[in-house]
Amino acid sequence: MSKRIVILGAGKSATVLIDYLLGEAQERGWTVAVGDLDPELAAHKIGGRARGESFRFDVNDSALRRKQIESADLVISMLPAALHPLVAEDCIHFGVHFASASYVGDAMRQLSEAAERADVVLLNELGVDPGIDHMSAMQQIDALKATGHKIVRFETFTGGLVAPQSDDNPWRYKFTWNPRNVVLAGQGVVKFKHNGRFKYIPYHRLFKRYEPLEIPGYGQFEGYPNRDSLKYIRHYGLWGCETIYRGTLRRPGFCKAWDCLVQLGLTDDSYELDDLSDMTYRQFVNSYLWYDPNMSVELKIQAYLKLEMNSPELDKLRWLGLFEDEPIGMTRGTPAQVLQKKLEEKWAMADDDQDMIAMLHLTEYEKADGTREVLQSSMVCQGDDGERTAMAKTVGLPLGIGAMRVLDGTIKRRGIVIPTLSDVYEPVLAELRQHGIEFKEEIKPA
């Protein structure tokens, strides 16, 4: 029986998803329809291929939205996360399955019972982080528990970075996803569990609390903690686990330099700056430092942040152009928005750059004889080009594979589902390995 998959949103993360589903649709005689506010972009992503359709889509046009959803067997939302519940409600009304790569928020969670009654699955958190992190973690945790081992420590790290061949600036970082999320990362209180005790890190201390890490074949990294690791105790069934910690990967030196921006106040998004239209970047930085006509901005920063004259951190700030008398070119904005504007200029991916997704799990377990070992598991995926990026692969492929497994009946669950259950993660991980996304494991003494 012919089926119809509707994809809402044709942005960067949708490219590989669309390619994968069009390939599957060709073999099965199904249809893939892609809608976007920019109909030319949707048509470009379809590329005139058989079994593909494109259309203009405005999520706020309720008649158009419902028409497209009603025509589908499954809808994949690549829209901003706040819009997913609106689409999911229509899916439930028309008895259409739903999938997204986003975290399950409160509004989505409230739809679970209605979806079950409608015999509909709302498959969420099926991208890279969340998504591949859930699936790979649970596969390891379930396997260790099945052999009678007790999980005592689980640490997991993910990073969207540049591939080694494109790693060519002092920060060793470029924007490979939403710049605003990067600038505001970690704001709020970080919570995790360490050696049986709950730990809390306020934002102004966050980037001082990183740990050195290594991924075989890719060298050194550093990881800083994400906001709330404690909810994964429930998600992963790690009751009684002594340590549970989720973090973000960066290359060495990033955290110390980013901490300088935090301590200066340049990542604050809580207020707008006055007289921004007449301000240069040098004046912007100087506005956070004390008045001294005999000291340069550089010397004041050195003193305030206790940096050496030739420190790598000062070099990174200088490279960004924050000490230049260049007009900012904004009439209004928060400190974080001003910083983001400069970073988007300096951390932009070049046309021939390639990105990289890196993931690392460290699972310590206790055996029946009381000895402990650590299972280190890592995955690295590199992009092919500016469209088939690592981010697009690791978001799009698990989402597409999950959608296919819903439609062919492999995934039978209904209501809200995230991929922490073996009947969901096993078929998805198995097919991801065919696309080169797989984990390398190594066991070490604790």
Protein backbone atom coordinates (compact mmCIF):
# COMPACT_ATOMS: atom_id res chain seq x y z
CA MET A 1 0.00 0.00 0.00
CA SER A 2 1.38 3.40 -1.00
CA LYS A 3 2.21 5.72 1.88
CA ARG A 4 2.80 9.46 2.08
CA ILE A 5 5.42 11.12 4.30
CA VAL A 6 5.16 14.88 4.81
CA ILE A 7 8.23 16.82 5.99
CA LEU A 8 7.59 20.28 7.37
CA GLY A 9 10.69 22.45 7.08
CA ALA A 10 13.51 22.18 4.54
CA GLY A 11 16.39 23.80 6.42
CA LYS A 12 20.01 22.63 6.73
CA SER A 13 19.23 19.73 9.06
CA ALA A 14 16.63 18.31 6.65
CA THR A 15 18.92 17.66 3.65
CA VAL A 16 20.06 14.12 4.47
CA LEU A 17 16.65 13.22 5.89
CA ILE A 18 15.00 14.15 2.59
CA ASP A 19 17.61 12.30 0.52
CA TYR A 20 17.25 9.15 2.62
CA LEU A 21 13.45 9.10 2.52
CA LEU A 22 13.33 9.79 -1.23
CA GLY A 23 15.58 6.79 -1.76
CA GLU A 24 13.34 4.59 0.37
CA ALA A 25 10.20 5.96 -1.27
CA GLN A 26 11.55 5.13 -4.74
CA GLU A 27 11.99 1.49 -3.77
CA ARG A 28 8.59 1.21 -2.08
CA GLY A 29 6.47 3.36 -4.39
CA TRP A 30 5.75 5.84 -1.59
CA THR A 31 5.64 9.65 -1.73
CA VAL A 32 7.71 12.22 0.16
CA ALA A 33 6.30 15.76 0.24
CA VAL A 34 8.43 18.63 1.58
CA GLY A 35 6.95 21.94 2.65
CA ASP A 36 8.70 25.16 3.58
CA LEU A 37 7.90 28.85 3.88
CA ASP A 38 10.37 29.20 1.00
CA PRO A 39 8.88 26.96 -1.74
CA GLU A 40 12.03 27.29 -3.87
CA LEU A 41 14.10 25.80 -1.05
CA ALA A 42 11.67 22.89 -0.72
CA ALA A 43 11.82 22.30 -4.48
CA HIS A 44 15.64 22.46 -4.40
CA LYS A 45 15.77 19.79 -1.70
CA ILE A 46 13.50 17.51 -3.75
CA GLY A 47 15.64 18.17 -6.81
CA GLY A 48 13.06 16.93 -9.31
CA ARG A 49 13.43 13.34 -8.11
CA ALA A 50 10.71 10.77 -8.59
CA ARG A 51 8.36 10.17 -5.66
CA GLY A 52 9.05 13.69 -4.37
CA GLU A 53 6.75 16.71 -4.11
CA SER A 54 7.30 20.21 -2.74
CA PHE A 55 4.88 22.87 -1.55
CA ARG A 56 4.77 26.22 0.20
CA PHE A 57 4.03 25.77 3.89
CA ASP A 58 3.13 28.30 6.55
CA VAL A 59 2.51 26.68 9.93
CA ASN A 60 0.24 29.58 10.90
CA ASP A 61 -2.09 28.88 7.95
CA SER A 62 -4.34 26.40 9.75
CA ALA A 63 -6.27 25.30 6.65
CA LEU A 64 -3.06 24.58 4.72
CA ARG A 65 -1.48 22.88 7.71
CA ARG A 66 -4.43 20.57 8.27
CA LYS A 67 -4.76 19.79 4.57
CA GLN A 68 -1.16 18.60 4.36
CA ILE A 69 -1.28 16.66 7.63
CA GLU A 70 -4.55 14.95 6.71
CA SER A 71 -2.95 13.75 3.45
CA ALA A 72 -0.07 12.04 5.28
CA ASP A 73 0.56 8.69 6.92
CA LEU A 74 3.41 10.24 8.91
CA VAL A 75 4.54 13.84 9.46
CA ILE A 76 8.11 14.80 10.33
CA SER A 77 8.42 18.26 11.85
CA MET A 78 11.69 20.07 11.22
CA LEU A 79 10.13 23.30 12.47
CA PRO A 80 11.27 25.13 15.63
CA ALA A 81 10.56 22.97 18.68
CA ALA A 82 7.92 25.35 20.06
CA LEU A 83 5.74 24.59 16.99
CA HIS A 84 5.83 20.78 17.30
CA PRO A 85 2.79 20.52 19.63
CA LEU A 86 0.65 22.47 17.16
CA VAL A 87 1.53 19.98 14.41
CA ALA A 88 1.20 17.00 16.75
CA GLU A 89 -2.32 18.04 17.79
CA ASP A 90 -3.42 17.97 14.13
CA CYS A 91 -1.71 14.61 13.66
CA ILE A 92 -3.69 13.16 16.55
CA HIS A 93 -6.93 14.62 15.15
CA PHE A 94 -6.36 12.99 11.75
CA GLY A 95 -4.80 9.74 13.05
CA VAL A 96 -1.39 10.51 11.52
CA HIS A 97 1.93 9.48 13.08
CA PHE A 98 4.40 12.22 14.10
CA ALA A 99 8.19 12.38 14.46
CA SER A 100 10.72 15.03 15.44
CA ALA A 101 14.32 15.30 16.60
CA SER A 102 13.50 17.67 19.48
CA TYR A 103 13.26 17.21 23.23
CA VAL A 104 9.82 16.41 24.64
CA GLY A 105 8.52 19.57 26.29
CA ASP A 106 5.58 19.89 28.66
CA ALA A 107 3.13 20.80 25.89
CA MET A 108 4.09 17.73 23.86
CA ARG A 109 4.04 15.45 26.91
CA GLN A 110 0.42 16.38 27.61
CA LEU A 111 -0.59 14.92 24.24
CA SER A 112 0.56 11.38 25.02
CA GLU A 113 -2.75 9.92 26.23
CA ALA A 114 -4.69 11.47 23.34
CA ALA A 115 -2.17 10.01 20.89
CA GLU A 116 -2.54 6.55 22.41
CA ARG A 117 -6.31 6.74 22.09
CA ALA A 118 -5.91 7.77 18.45
CA ASP A 119 -3.48 4.88 17.80
CA VAL A 120 -0.77 7.43 16.92
CA VAL A 121 2.90 7.50 17.86
CA LEU A 122 4.59 10.81 18.73
CA LEU A 123 8.21 9.80 18.19
CA ASN A 124 10.55 12.45 19.57
CA GLU A 125 14.22 12.97 20.51
CA LEU A 126 15.35 11.00 17.47
CA GLY A 127 18.24 13.09 16.16
CA VAL A 128 21.81 13.19 17.42
CA ASP A 129 21.59 14.88 20.83
CA PRO A 130 18.94 13.97 21.75
CA GLY A 131 18.72 10.76 19.75
CA ILE A 132 21.87 8.84 18.95
CA ASP A 133 23.10 9.63 22.46
CA HIS A 134 19.98 7.99 23.96
CA MET A 135 20.14 4.94 21.73
CA SER A 136 23.84 4.19 22.04
CA ALA A 137 23.80 4.79 25.80
CA MET A 138 20.82 2.52 26.40
CA GLN A 139 22.21 -0.24 24.19
CA GLN A 140 25.36 -0.31 26.34
CA ILE A 141 23.56 0.07 29.67
CA ASP A 142 21.02 -2.64 28.86
CA ALA A 143 23.76 -5.02 27.69
CA LEU A 144 25.83 -4.50 30.86
CA LYS A 145 22.81 -4.96 33.11
CA ALA A 146 21.83 -8.13 31.22
CA THR A 147 25.18 -9.68 32.14
CA GLY A 148 24.70 -8.87 35.82
CA HIS A 149 26.97 -5.84 36.01
CA LYS A 150 26.09 -2.86 38.19
CA ILE A 151 26.42 0.58 36.58
CA VAL A 152 28.22 2.90 39.01
CA ARG A 153 29.22 5.79 36.72
CA PHE A 154 27.86 7.07 33.43
CA GLU A 155 29.36 10.11 31.69
CA THR A 156 28.44 11.15 28.18
CA PHE A 157 29.68 13.99 25.97
CA THR A 158 28.63 15.29 22.54
CA GLY A 159 30.02 18.10 20.44
CA GLY A 160 29.31 19.71 17.10
CA LEU A 161 32.77 20.76 15.88
CA VAL A 162 34.83 21.32 12.76
CA ALA A 163 36.54 18.34 11.13
CA PRO A 164 40.35 18.19 11.58
CA GLN A 165 41.02 19.38 8.02
CA SER A 166 38.92 22.54 8.66
CA ASP A 167 40.32 23.22 12.13
CA ASP A 168 42.17 26.42 11.22
CA ASN A 169 41.49 29.13 13.81
CA PRO A 170 42.84 29.66 17.36
CA TRP A 171 39.53 28.67 18.97
CA ARG A 172 39.42 25.40 16.99
CA TYR A 173 35.70 26.00 16.64
CA LYS A 174 33.18 27.24 14.08
CA PHE A 175 29.41 27.46 14.05
CA THR A 176 27.97 24.19 12.80
CA TRP A 177 24.51 24.75 14.33
CA ASN A 178 22.39 27.50 15.89
CA PRO A 179 24.79 30.32 16.92
CA ARG A 180 22.45 31.73 19.56
CA ASN A 181 22.32 28.39 21.38
CA VAL A 182 26.12 28.31 21.44
CA VAL A 183 26.41 31.84 22.85
CA LEU A 184 23.82 31.15 25.57
CA ALA A 185 25.03 27.60 26.38
CA GLY A 186 25.07 26.66 30.03
CA GLN A 187 23.16 29.64 31.38
CA GLY A 188 21.21 28.70 34.49
CA VAL A 189 22.31 26.21 37.12
CA VAL A 190 24.07 23.00 36.08
CA LYS A 191 23.08 19.87 38.03
CA PHE A 192 24.70 16.44 38.09
CA LYS A 193 25.65 13.62 40.46
CA HIS A 194 29.22 12.75 41.42
CA ASN A 195 30.27 9.92 43.73
CA GLY A 196 26.82 9.76 45.28
CA ARG A 197 26.49 13.49 45.91
CA PHE A 198 24.44 16.03 44.00
CA LYS A 199 26.51 18.84 42.51
CA TYR A 200 25.49 22.30 41.32
CA ILE A 201 27.53 24.75 39.26
CA PRO A 202 26.39 28.36 38.79
CA TYR A 203 26.91 29.79 35.32
CA HIS A 204 29.80 32.08 36.27
CA ARG A 205 31.82 29.01 37.36
CA LEU A 206 30.77 26.63 34.60
CA PHE A 207 33.63 27.04 32.13
CA LYS A 208 36.19 26.60 34.89
CA ARG A 209 34.83 23.10 35.53
CA TYR A 210 35.86 21.12 32.48
CA GLU A 211 37.69 17.82 32.17
CA PRO A 212 40.29 16.62 29.65
CA LEU A 213 39.14 13.78 27.38
CA GLU A 214 40.50 11.79 24.47
CA ILE A 215 38.77 10.14 21.53
CA PRO A 216 40.94 7.50 19.83
CA GLY A 217 42.09 8.67 16.43
CA TYR A 218 40.90 12.25 16.98
CA GLY A 219 43.06 13.45 19.85
CA GLN A 220 42.34 15.64 22.83
CA PHE A 221 39.09 17.34 23.82
CA GLU A 222 37.63 18.97 26.88
CA GLY A 223 34.12 18.52 28.23
CA TYR A 224 32.03 20.92 30.28
CA PRO A 225 28.75 19.92 31.96
CA ASN A 226 25.29 20.44 30.47
CA ARG A 227 22.44 22.01 32.40
CA ASP A 228 20.55 19.10 33.98
CA SER A 229 22.07 15.64 34.02
CA LEU A 230 19.80 14.42 36.82
CA LYS A 231 16.76 13.79 34.60
CA TYR A 232 18.73 11.06 32.84
CA ILE A 233 18.67 8.97 36.00
CA ARG A 234 15.03 8.29 35.15
CA HIS A 235 15.43 8.23 31.36
CA TYR A 236 18.23 5.65 31.49
CA GLY A 237 17.07 3.72 34.57
CA LEU A 238 20.26 4.57 36.47
CA TRP A 239 18.76 4.52 39.96
CA GLY A 240 21.55 4.12 42.50
CA CYS A 241 24.24 5.13 40.01
CA GLU A 242 26.99 7.00 41.90
CA THR A 243 27.86 9.40 39.06
CA ILE A 244 25.79 10.64 36.15
CA TYR A 245 27.08 13.50 34.03
CA ARG A 246 26.27 14.87 30.59
CA GLY A 247 28.63 17.29 28.91
CA THR A 248 29.55 19.17 25.75
CA LEU A 249 32.79 18.56 23.82
CA ARG A 250 35.15 21.29 22.73
CA ARG A 251 38.80 21.28 21.70
CA PRO A 252 41.44 22.10 24.36
CA GLY A 253 41.69 25.77 25.29
CA PHE A 254 38.11 26.68 24.35
CA CYS A 255 36.66 26.69 27.87
CA LYS A 256 39.31 28.97 29.41
CA ALA A 257 38.89 31.49 26.59
CA TRP A 258 35.07 31.33 26.65
CA ASP A 259 35.18 31.84 30.42
CA CYS A 260 36.87 35.20 29.77
CA LEU A 261 33.80 36.30 27.78
CA VAL A 262 31.51 35.09 30.57
CA GLN A 263 33.48 36.90 33.28
CA LEU A 264 33.46 40.13 31.25
CA GLY A 265 29.66 39.92 30.96
CA LEU A 266 29.58 39.64 27.18
CA THR A 267 27.29 36.57 27.11
CA ASP A 268 24.52 38.27 29.13
CA ASP A 269 21.19 38.27 27.29
CA SER A 270 19.05 39.86 30.01
CA TYR A 271 19.18 43.54 28.99
CA GLU A 272 19.75 45.79 25.97
CA LEU A 273 22.70 48.14 25.59
CA ASP A 274 22.26 51.92 25.35
CA ASP A 275 23.95 54.00 22.62
CA LEU A 276 24.75 50.84 20.68
CA SER A 277 24.42 52.55 17.32
CA ASP A 278 27.54 54.67 18.00
CA MET A 279 29.62 51.95 19.63
CA THR A 280 32.69 50.07 18.36
CA TYR A 281 33.69 46.61 19.52
CA ARG A 282 36.58 48.11 21.48
CA GLN A 283 34.21 50.49 23.24
CA PHE A 284 31.80 47.60 23.84
CA VAL A 285 34.47 45.64 25.72
CA ASN A 286 35.77 48.75 27.50
CA SER A 287 32.29 49.52 28.82
CA TYR A 288 32.66 46.52 31.13
CA LEU A 289 36.01 47.68 32.53
CA TRP A 290 36.94 50.41 34.97
CA TYR A 291 37.91 53.91 33.85
CA ASP A 292 41.64 54.55 33.60
CA PRO A 293 42.86 56.89 30.83
CA ASN A 294 46.41 55.56 31.23
CA MET A 295 45.58 51.90 30.62
CA SER A 296 44.64 50.28 27.33
CA VAL A 297 41.68 47.92 27.02
CA GLU A 298 44.12 45.03 26.62
CA LEU A 299 45.97 45.87 29.84
CA LYS A 300 42.75 46.28 31.79
CA ILE A 301 41.50 42.89 30.56
CA GLN A 302 44.82 41.30 31.51
CA ALA A 303 44.54 42.72 35.00
CA TYR A 304 40.82 41.97 35.44
CA LEU A 305 41.07 38.37 34.21
CA LYS A 306 44.56 37.79 35.65
CA LEU A 307 46.00 36.82 32.26
CA GLU A 308 49.62 36.73 31.18
CA MET A 309 50.59 39.21 28.44
CA ASN A 310 51.01 36.49 25.79
CA SER A 311 48.34 34.12 27.13
CA PRO A 312 46.42 31.94 24.65
CA GLU A 313 43.17 33.38 26.04
CA LEU A 314 44.18 36.95 25.24
CA ASP A 315 45.29 35.86 21.77
CA LYS A 316 41.88 34.31 21.14
CA LEU A 317 40.05 37.47 22.23
CA ARG A 318 42.32 39.57 20.03
CA TRP A 319 41.76 37.25 17.05
CA LEU A 320 37.99 37.72 17.38
CA GLY A 321 38.45 41.44 16.75
CA LEU A 322 36.98 42.53 20.08
CA PHE A 323 39.74 45.13 20.54
CA GLU A 324 39.22 46.75 17.13
CA ASP A 325 37.70 50.20 16.61
CA GLU A 326 35.22 48.67 14.18
CA PRO A 327 31.60 49.90 14.40
CA ILE A 328 29.28 47.19 15.67
CA GLY A 329 26.58 48.18 13.19
CA MET A 330 23.56 47.46 15.40
CA THR A 331 20.96 49.91 16.69
CA ARG A 332 19.78 47.71 19.55
CA GLY A 333 20.74 44.44 21.14
CA THR A 334 21.89 42.60 24.25
CA PRO A 335 25.57 41.95 25.03
CA ALA A 336 25.07 38.34 23.90
CA GLN A 337 23.61 39.50 20.57
CA VAL A 338 26.55 41.85 19.98
CA LEU A 339 28.99 39.03 20.73
CA GLN A 340 27.04 36.67 18.48
CA LYS A 341 27.28 39.12 15.56
CA LYS A 342 31.07 39.18 15.83
CA LEU A 343 31.31 35.42 16.30
CA GLU A 344 29.17 34.78 13.23
CA GLU A 345 31.72 36.76 11.21
CA LYS A 346 34.74 34.97 12.67
CA TRP A 347 33.39 31.45 13.20
CA ALA A 348 31.57 31.08 9.87
CA MET A 349 32.08 27.82 8.01
CA ALA A 350 33.78 28.34 4.64
CA ASP A 351 32.23 26.75 1.54
CA ASP A 352 34.81 23.95 1.54
CA ASP A 353 34.80 23.38 5.31
CA GLN A 354 33.58 20.12 6.81
CA ASP A 355 31.97 19.69 10.19
CA MET A 356 32.20 16.84 12.69
CA ILE A 357 29.96 15.33 15.36
CA ALA A 358 31.86 13.62 18.16
CA MET A 359 30.30 11.56 20.95
CA LEU A 360 31.90 9.81 23.91
CA HIS A 361 30.38 7.58 26.62
CA LEU A 362 32.28 6.46 29.72
CA THR A 363 30.40 3.71 31.58
CA GLU A 364 31.98 2.31 34.74
CA TYR A 365 30.50 -0.91 36.06
CA GLU A 366 31.07 -3.29 38.93
CA LYS A 367 31.32 -7.01 38.21
CA ALA A 368 30.08 -9.82 40.44
CA ASP A 369 33.55 -10.23 41.98
CA GLY A 370 33.63 -6.57 43.01
CA THR A 371 36.16 -5.43 40.41
CA ARG A 372 35.38 -2.42 38.26
CA GLU A 373 35.94 -1.65 34.59
CA VAL A 374 35.17 1.26 32.28
CA LEU A 375 33.58 0.80 28.88
CA GLN A 376 34.69 3.68 26.67
CA SER A 377 32.55 4.10 23.56
CA SER A 378 33.05 6.78 20.93
CA MET A 379 31.57 7.83 17.61
CA VAL A 380 32.79 10.44 15.15
CA CYS A 381 30.92 11.44 12.00
CA GLN A 382 32.31 13.91 9.47
CA GLY A 383 30.34 15.89 6.92
CA ASP A 384 30.79 15.46 3.17
CA ASP A 385 30.17 19.08 2.14
CA GLY A 386 28.18 22.19 2.98
CA GLU A 387 24.84 20.44 2.52
CA ARG A 388 25.53 16.86 3.59
CA THR A 389 27.01 17.95 6.89
CA ALA A 390 27.71 15.70 9.87
CA MET A 391 24.94 17.55 11.69
CA ALA A 392 22.49 16.87 8.85
CA LYS A 393 23.51 13.19 8.77
CA THR A 394 23.25 12.57 12.49
CA VAL A 395 19.95 14.43 12.80
CA GLY A 396 18.35 13.27 9.57
CA LEU A 397 19.31 9.61 9.34
CA PRO A 398 17.99 8.39 12.72
CA LEU A 399 14.84 10.44 12.20
CA GLY A 400 14.29 9.00 8.73
CA ILE A 401 15.08 5.44 9.81
CA GLY A 402 12.71 5.77 12.78
CA ALA A 403 9.94 7.06 10.50
CA MET A 404 10.38 4.10 8.17
CA ARG A 405 10.28 1.66 11.08
CA VAL A 406 6.99 3.19 12.25
CA LEU A 407 5.44 2.89 8.81
CA ASP A 408 6.61 -0.69 8.20
CA GLY A 409 5.31 -1.76 11.62
CA THR A 410 8.66 -2.50 13.28
CA ILE A 411 8.03 0.22 15.89
CA LYS A 412 4.58 -0.52 17.28
CA ARG A 413 4.45 1.75 20.34
CA ARG A 414 1.93 4.56 20.61
CA GLY A 415 1.78 7.85 22.50
CA ILE A 416 4.96 9.74 23.38
CA VAL A 417 8.02 7.62 22.57
CA ILE A 418 11.71 8.44 22.89
CA PRO A 419 14.34 5.94 21.71
CA THR A 420 15.44 4.53 25.07
CA LEU A 421 13.65 1.22 24.54
CA SER A 422 15.29 -1.69 22.78
CA ASP A 423 12.48 -2.25 20.27
CA VAL A 424 13.02 1.33 19.11
CA TYR A 425 16.79 1.80 19.33
CA GLU A 426 17.91 -1.62 18.03
CA PRO A 427 16.54 -1.32 14.48
CA VAL A 428 17.63 2.32 14.19
CA LEU A 429 21.19 1.70 15.39
CA ALA A 430 21.48 -1.37 13.14
CA GLU A 431 20.69 0.69 10.03
CA LEU A 432 22.84 3.63 11.16
CA ARG A 433 25.83 1.27 11.11
CA GLN A 434 25.14 0.66 7.41
CA HIS A 435 25.59 4.41 6.91
CA GLY A 436 28.91 4.47 8.76
CA ILE A 437 27.57 5.84 12.04
CA GLU A 438 28.83 3.35 14.59
CA PHE A 439 30.58 3.27 17.96
CA LYS A 440 34.04 1.96 18.74
CA GLU A 441 34.36 0.35 22.15
CA GLU A 442 37.29 -0.24 24.47
CA ILE A 443 37.33 -1.71 27.99
CA LYS A 444 39.76 -0.28 30.50
CA PRO A 445 40.40 -0.90 34.21
CA ALA A 446 38.62 1.63 36.45
